[in-house]
Amino acid sequence: MSPDEMDKRIVRYGELKPCTTAFIDAHTPGSNQKENFTIVGGGVSESADQHVHIEDTPGFNIGAAGQPPKCRNSMHSHSTAEVFFVLSGRWRFFWGRWGTAGEVVLEEGDIINIPTGIFRGFENIGTDYHMVMAILGGDDAGGGVQWAPQVIEDASEHGLILGKNGKLYDTKSGQVLPEGVEPMPLLDDTELKQYPELSTRDVVPGFVARYWDLMAMADSQPCKVIGEEAVLKDKPGFEIDLIRRGSITSEPYKSDKHEVLMVMRGHWRLGWTSQGCQHERLLAPGDTCAVPPELTHSLEATMMGEASIYRVRNTHDPAGATHWL
């Protein structure tokens, strides 16, 4: 792989292009200052304005949300996996029809694997603009989003209508539903009963992992964070490891799987050989790199101090395997 080809597979934190109209709550007070980033794959955005950095999907999608303090993401559900880790700040994750069934506060580096089939939301409870990174199961992650009824109703009062085709229409800008396109129907009481109201005790023990616990377990080899035999046991269509200084050598290796590197802390040197020449790129916190299968490459932290990377690889498991029972 040439350096130019690799550069196309690296998304720098400082070059992320946000979308402020990605979702149905883009005009709703309290949620109208969100920035959505689609990094790998099409993601779940409902807006044609969303910029996709890397269109190819490796069996999962990578995205991010940046929000100022007290800004929240409204109640929604997914039929495929949705995993978050906190890149910066403090975030409160909450769930249930009204967001009152349970909650947990995550610090930097903490990770949560939210069960499918429950309504969830999250908000920045820090003092500055901060960001969370997201891994979504499946190539078509946008096909399984369902909004709680009150979110659709609130959005309509502020000029946004979601069509049954999954696209947003802004009545404040003069847009109307196209002929033949009906508005997205609200879930009725019978359908809403299919979404469980899980307590904090139901979710936190099996679906939340703390960064410093994972760092301790990654002392001599990568810590398996999400997977069949990981800290958070699941088969969502991908697996996640945490790599720190000392848990991986600088020796070249390759995998038959797609590998996405998401830098949490420190600076990392990615090395590879192409046509007999050695190449390298430096990865910084917030950068994302999509390494293709069978590419022999190496990873090495470049300086002393805290250094960590979340590594995501595709598996052959169904993308909606995340469970809560």
Protein backbone atom coordinates (compact mmCIF):
# COMPACT_ATOMS: atom_id res chain seq x y z
CA MET A 1 0.00 0.00 0.00
CA SER A 2 1.44 3.35 -1.04
CA PRO A 3 1.67 6.27 1.41
CA ASP A 4 -0.99 8.13 -0.59
CA GLU A 5 -3.37 5.17 -0.30
CA MET A 6 -2.75 4.93 3.44
CA ASP A 7 -3.36 8.65 3.89
CA LYS A 8 -6.86 8.14 2.47
CA ARG A 9 -7.47 5.59 5.22
CA ILE A 10 -6.45 7.91 8.06
CA VAL A 11 -8.96 10.43 9.43
CA ARG A 12 -7.27 13.08 11.53
CA TYR A 13 -9.09 14.48 14.56
CA GLY A 14 -8.36 18.03 13.44
CA GLU A 15 -9.81 17.35 9.98
CA LEU A 16 -13.14 15.87 11.08
CA LYS A 17 -16.06 17.50 9.26
CA PRO A 18 -19.17 17.87 11.43
CA CYS A 19 -22.84 17.85 10.51
CA THR A 20 -25.22 19.87 12.68
CA THR A 21 -28.40 18.66 10.94
CA ALA A 22 -27.79 14.93 11.19
CA PHE A 23 -30.83 13.92 13.23
CA ILE A 24 -34.45 14.67 13.86
CA ASP A 25 -33.72 16.63 17.06
CA ALA A 26 -31.41 19.12 15.29
CA HIS A 27 -33.83 21.99 16.08
CA THR A 28 -35.08 20.77 19.46
CA PRO A 29 -33.82 22.96 22.34
CA GLY A 30 -31.27 21.08 24.43
CA SER A 31 -30.22 18.96 21.47
CA ASN A 32 -29.70 21.57 18.76
CA GLN A 33 -25.96 22.13 19.27
CA LYS A 34 -24.78 18.62 18.49
CA GLU A 35 -22.14 17.86 15.92
CA ASN A 36 -22.21 14.43 14.29
CA PHE A 37 -19.21 12.87 12.57
CA THR A 38 -19.33 9.92 10.19
CA ILE A 39 -15.80 8.51 10.01
CA VAL A 40 -16.02 5.01 8.51
CA GLY A 41 -19.17 3.91 6.67
CA GLY A 42 -22.43 5.76 6.15
CA GLY A 43 -23.39 5.78 9.83
CA VAL A 44 -26.90 6.60 11.03
CA SER A 45 -27.30 10.20 9.86
CA GLU A 46 -30.69 11.20 8.45
CA SER A 47 -29.28 14.26 6.66
CA ALA A 48 -27.94 14.65 3.12
CA ASP A 49 -25.48 17.20 4.56
CA GLN A 50 -23.51 14.53 6.42
CA HIS A 51 -19.90 14.18 5.24
CA VAL A 52 -18.61 10.59 5.10
CA HIS A 53 -14.83 10.45 5.53
CA ILE A 54 -14.25 6.78 4.52
CA GLU A 55 -17.18 5.25 2.64
CA ASP A 56 -16.10 1.60 2.63
CA THR A 57 -17.45 -0.39 5.56
CA PRO A 58 -15.55 -3.30 7.13
CA GLY A 59 -18.68 -4.87 8.65
CA PHE A 60 -19.16 -2.02 11.11
CA ASN A 61 -19.35 1.79 11.14
CA ILE A 62 -17.28 4.34 13.07
CA GLY A 63 -18.68 7.70 14.09
CA ALA A 64 -18.46 10.35 16.78
CA ALA A 65 -20.53 12.99 18.53
CA GLY A 66 -19.22 16.34 19.71
CA GLN A 67 -21.35 18.38 22.06
CA PRO A 68 -21.10 21.43 24.30
CA PRO A 69 -22.02 21.15 28.00
CA LYS A 70 -25.61 20.12 28.81
CA CYS A 71 -26.32 19.18 25.19
CA ARG A 72 -27.99 15.78 24.83
CA ASN A 73 -28.71 13.17 22.21
CA SER A 74 -32.42 12.27 22.26
CA MET A 75 -33.97 8.89 23.06
CA HIS A 76 -33.50 6.36 20.26
CA SER A 77 -32.98 2.65 19.78
CA HIS A 78 -30.89 0.45 17.49
CA SER A 79 -31.39 -3.06 16.17
CA THR A 80 -27.62 -3.47 15.86
CA ALA A 81 -24.76 -2.89 18.29
CA GLU A 82 -23.87 0.61 19.49
CA VAL A 83 -20.64 0.95 21.46
CA PHE A 84 -19.25 4.24 22.79
CA PHE A 85 -16.00 5.23 24.40
CA VAL A 86 -15.35 8.66 25.87
CA LEU A 87 -12.57 10.47 24.04
CA SER A 88 -12.79 13.56 26.24
CA GLY A 89 -14.85 14.95 29.11
CA ARG A 90 -17.55 13.36 31.27
CA TRP A 91 -20.73 11.94 29.78
CA ARG A 92 -23.98 10.65 31.22
CA PHE A 93 -25.66 7.77 29.39
CA PHE A 94 -29.29 7.05 30.21
CA TRP A 95 -31.97 4.72 28.89
CA GLY A 96 -35.65 3.76 28.92
CA ARG A 97 -38.64 5.29 27.10
CA TRP A 98 -38.22 8.57 28.99
CA GLY A 99 -34.54 8.18 29.86
CA THR A 100 -35.31 7.48 33.51
CA ALA A 101 -34.94 3.68 33.75
CA GLY A 102 -31.19 3.76 34.44
CA GLU A 103 -28.03 5.77 33.92
CA VAL A 104 -24.24 5.71 34.24
CA VAL A 105 -21.56 8.40 34.12
CA LEU A 106 -18.47 7.63 32.03
CA GLU A 107 -15.06 9.26 32.29
CA GLU A 108 -12.37 9.54 29.60
CA GLY A 109 -11.54 6.17 28.07
CA ASP A 110 -14.51 4.35 29.64
CA ILE A 111 -16.53 2.20 27.22
CA ILE A 112 -20.18 1.13 27.11
CA ASN A 113 -21.78 -1.53 24.94
CA ILE A 114 -25.44 -0.45 24.97
CA PRO A 115 -27.88 -3.37 24.61
CA THR A 116 -29.99 -3.43 21.47
CA GLY A 117 -33.70 -2.87 21.66
CA ILE A 118 -33.75 -0.24 24.42
CA PHE A 119 -34.14 3.50 24.11
CA ARG A 120 -30.96 5.35 25.00
CA GLY A 121 -29.54 8.88 25.04
CA PHE A 122 -26.45 10.66 26.28
CA GLU A 123 -25.30 14.12 27.29
CA ASN A 124 -22.08 16.01 27.92
CA ILE A 125 -21.93 16.82 31.64
CA GLY A 126 -18.46 18.34 31.47
CA THR A 127 -17.53 22.00 31.39
CA ASP A 128 -16.32 22.27 27.78
CA TYR A 129 -17.04 20.90 24.32
CA HIS A 130 -16.20 17.19 24.36
CA MET A 131 -16.46 14.11 22.17
CA VAL A 132 -17.50 10.46 22.32
CA MET A 133 -16.51 7.89 19.70
CA ALA A 134 -18.98 5.27 18.44
CA ILE A 135 -18.78 1.83 16.83
CA LEU A 136 -22.00 0.67 15.15
CA GLY A 137 -22.68 -2.89 14.06
CA GLY A 138 -23.29 -3.86 10.44
CA ASP A 139 -22.54 -2.27 7.09
CA ASP A 140 -25.94 -0.53 7.01
CA ALA A 141 -26.05 0.95 10.51
CA GLY A 142 -28.70 3.46 9.49
CA GLY A 143 -31.30 0.79 8.89
CA GLY A 144 -32.10 0.09 12.51
CA VAL A 145 -32.72 3.46 14.24
CA GLN A 146 -36.03 4.02 15.99
CA TRP A 147 -36.90 7.26 17.78
CA ALA A 148 -39.06 7.42 20.90
CA PRO A 149 -42.45 8.97 20.03
CA GLN A 150 -41.89 12.14 22.04
CA VAL A 151 -38.71 12.89 20.06
CA ILE A 152 -40.61 12.87 16.76
CA GLU A 153 -43.41 14.99 18.25
CA ASP A 154 -40.97 17.56 19.71
CA ALA A 155 -39.09 17.75 16.42
CA SER A 156 -42.29 18.45 14.49
CA GLU A 157 -43.05 21.39 16.78
CA HIS A 158 -39.66 22.85 15.83
CA GLY A 159 -39.96 22.35 12.09
CA LEU A 160 -38.37 18.95 11.37
CA ILE A 161 -40.31 16.03 9.93
CA LEU A 162 -38.85 12.55 9.45
CA GLY A 163 -40.18 10.76 6.41
CA LYS A 164 -40.89 7.07 6.30
CA ASN A 165 -38.00 6.96 3.82
CA GLY A 166 -35.62 7.85 6.68
CA LYS A 167 -34.92 11.37 5.41
CA LEU A 168 -35.42 14.69 7.23
CA TYR A 169 -37.47 17.60 5.89
CA ASP A 170 -37.12 21.10 7.34
CA THR A 171 -40.44 22.95 7.16
CA LYS A 172 -38.72 26.12 8.42
CA SER A 173 -36.76 26.11 5.17
CA GLY A 174 -39.86 25.52 3.09
CA GLN A 175 -39.37 21.79 2.62
CA VAL A 176 -42.35 19.44 2.51
CA LEU A 177 -42.71 15.70 2.35
CA PRO A 178 -42.42 14.57 -1.28
CA GLU A 179 -45.48 13.17 -2.94
CA GLY A 180 -45.94 9.55 -1.94
CA VAL A 181 -43.71 9.83 1.16
CA GLU A 182 -45.53 9.49 4.47
CA PRO A 183 -44.21 10.76 7.82
CA MET A 184 -42.48 8.25 10.04
CA PRO A 185 -45.23 6.66 12.16
CA LEU A 186 -45.06 6.80 15.93
CA LEU A 187 -44.69 3.58 17.86
CA ASP A 188 -47.96 2.59 19.48
CA ASP A 189 -48.41 1.26 23.02
CA THR A 190 -48.18 -2.37 21.90
CA GLU A 191 -44.91 -1.72 20.07
CA LEU A 192 -43.49 0.29 22.97
CA LYS A 193 -43.97 -2.69 25.29
CA GLN A 194 -41.30 -4.51 23.27
CA TYR A 195 -38.67 -2.04 24.55
CA PRO A 196 -37.60 -3.12 28.05
CA GLU A 197 -37.04 -0.65 30.90
CA LEU A 198 -33.70 -1.90 32.23
CA SER A 199 -32.34 -0.74 35.55
CA THR A 200 -28.79 0.46 36.13
CA ARG A 201 -28.04 -2.92 37.74
CA ASP A 202 -29.24 -4.65 34.56
CA VAL A 203 -26.85 -2.73 32.32
CA VAL A 204 -23.71 -1.55 34.12
CA PRO A 205 -22.16 -4.88 35.29
CA GLY A 206 -22.13 -6.57 31.88
CA PHE A 207 -21.99 -3.64 29.49
CA VAL A 208 -19.66 -1.00 31.00
CA ALA A 209 -15.87 -1.22 31.38
CA ARG A 210 -13.63 1.38 33.05
CA TYR A 211 -10.56 2.64 31.21
CA TRP A 212 -8.06 2.24 34.03
CA ASP A 213 -9.24 -1.30 34.73
CA LEU A 214 -8.68 -2.15 31.07
CA MET A 215 -5.27 -0.45 31.12
CA ALA A 216 -4.27 -2.62 34.08
CA MET A 217 -5.36 -5.77 32.24
CA ALA A 218 -3.40 -4.70 29.14
CA ASP A 219 -0.07 -4.69 30.97
CA SER A 220 1.61 -7.42 28.90
CA GLN A 221 -0.80 -8.10 26.02
CA PRO A 222 -3.82 -6.39 24.45
CA CYS A 223 -6.90 -6.49 26.68
CA LYS A 224 -9.94 -8.08 25.01
CA VAL A 225 -12.68 -5.55 25.74
CA ILE A 226 -15.64 -6.78 23.64
CA GLY A 227 -15.88 -10.26 22.19
CA GLU A 228 -16.86 -13.83 22.94
CA GLU A 229 -14.12 -14.20 25.58
CA ALA A 230 -13.67 -10.54 26.52
CA VAL A 231 -14.36 -8.36 29.56
CA LEU A 232 -17.71 -7.47 28.00
CA LYS A 233 -18.82 -10.78 26.51
CA ASP A 234 -20.73 -10.24 23.31
CA LYS A 235 -20.77 -11.09 19.59
CA PRO A 236 -21.96 -7.87 17.91
CA GLY A 237 -20.22 -8.38 14.56
CA PHE A 238 -16.91 -6.92 15.72
CA GLU A 239 -14.40 -7.29 18.53
CA ILE A 240 -12.52 -4.58 20.43
CA ASP A 241 -9.12 -4.68 22.14
CA LEU A 242 -7.36 -2.03 24.19
CA ILE A 243 -3.65 -1.73 23.42
CA ARG A 244 -1.23 0.18 25.62
CA ARG A 245 2.51 0.64 25.76
CA GLY A 246 3.97 -2.71 26.77
CA SER A 247 1.05 -4.81 25.55
CA ILE A 248 2.29 -4.91 21.96
CA THR A 249 5.79 -5.07 20.48
CA SER A 250 7.06 -3.16 17.47
CA GLU A 251 7.27 -6.43 15.51
CA PRO A 252 5.26 -6.42 12.25
CA TYR A 253 2.04 -8.43 12.18
CA LYS A 254 -0.97 -8.86 9.92
CA SER A 255 -4.58 -9.96 10.26
CA ASP A 256 -7.08 -11.48 7.87
CA LYS A 257 -9.65 -9.05 9.29
CA HIS A 258 -10.29 -5.37 8.80
CA GLU A 259 -8.62 -3.44 11.61
CA VAL A 260 -9.60 0.07 12.68
CA LEU A 261 -7.24 1.85 15.09
CA MET A 262 -8.77 4.58 17.26
CA VAL A 263 -6.18 6.46 19.30
CA MET A 264 -7.20 7.27 22.85
CA ARG A 265 -3.97 8.61 24.36
CA GLY A 266 -0.39 9.27 23.26
CA HIS A 267 1.21 9.21 19.82
CA TRP A 268 1.67 5.98 17.90
CA ARG A 269 3.88 5.12 14.94
CA LEU A 270 2.17 2.99 12.29
CA GLY A 271 4.73 1.31 10.05
CA TRP A 272 4.35 -0.83 6.92
CA THR A 273 6.31 -1.96 3.85
CA SER A 274 5.28 -1.26 0.26
CA GLN A 275 7.28 -2.34 -2.82
CA GLY A 276 10.35 -2.91 -0.70
CA CYS A 277 10.20 0.52 0.97
CA GLN A 278 9.47 1.24 4.63
CA HIS A 279 6.77 3.78 5.38
CA GLU A 280 5.30 5.20 8.55
CA ARG A 281 2.62 7.58 9.76
CA LEU A 282 2.17 9.11 13.20
CA LEU A 283 -1.26 8.72 14.80
CA ALA A 284 -2.42 11.17 17.48
CA PRO A 285 -5.33 11.17 19.99
CA GLY A 286 -8.68 11.22 18.19
CA ASP A 287 -7.21 9.94 14.91
CA THR A 288 -8.80 6.92 13.21
CA CYS A 289 -6.96 4.59 10.83
CA ALA A 290 -8.54 1.80 8.77
CA VAL A 291 -5.92 -0.90 8.11
CA PRO A 292 -6.95 -3.34 5.35
CA PRO A 293 -6.75 -7.14 5.80
CA GLU A 294 -3.45 -8.89 5.11
CA LEU A 295 -1.36 -5.71 5.32
CA THR A 296 1.77 -6.39 7.37
CA HIS A 297 2.16 -3.45 9.74
CA SER A 298 3.55 -2.47 13.12
CA LEU A 299 2.44 -0.24 16.01
CA GLU A 300 4.68 1.50 18.50
CA ALA A 301 4.12 4.25 21.07
CA THR A 302 6.59 7.02 20.26
CA MET A 303 7.32 8.60 23.65
CA MET A 304 7.06 7.91 27.34
CA GLY A 305 3.82 8.43 29.21
CA GLU A 306 0.26 7.21 28.83
CA ALA A 307 -0.46 5.67 25.43
CA SER A 308 -3.52 3.64 24.39
CA ILE A 309 -5.46 2.61 21.32
CA TYR A 310 -8.83 0.93 20.88
CA ARG A 311 -8.48 -1.63 18.06
CA VAL A 312 -11.68 -2.79 16.31
CA ARG A 313 -11.79 -5.86 14.07
CA ASN A 314 -14.70 -7.33 12.14
CA THR A 315 -16.00 -10.81 12.93
CA HIS A 316 -18.47 -13.09 11.22
CA ASP A 317 -21.07 -12.78 13.96
CA PRO A 318 -24.48 -11.23 13.22
CA ALA A 319 -24.37 -7.45 13.61
CA GLY A 320 -27.31 -7.39 16.01
CA ALA A 321 -26.09 -9.93 18.54
CA THR A 322 -25.85 -7.55 21.51
CA HIS A 323 -28.22 -8.86 24.17
CA TRP A 324 -29.29 -7.96 27.69
CA LEU A 325 -30.59 -11.21 29.21
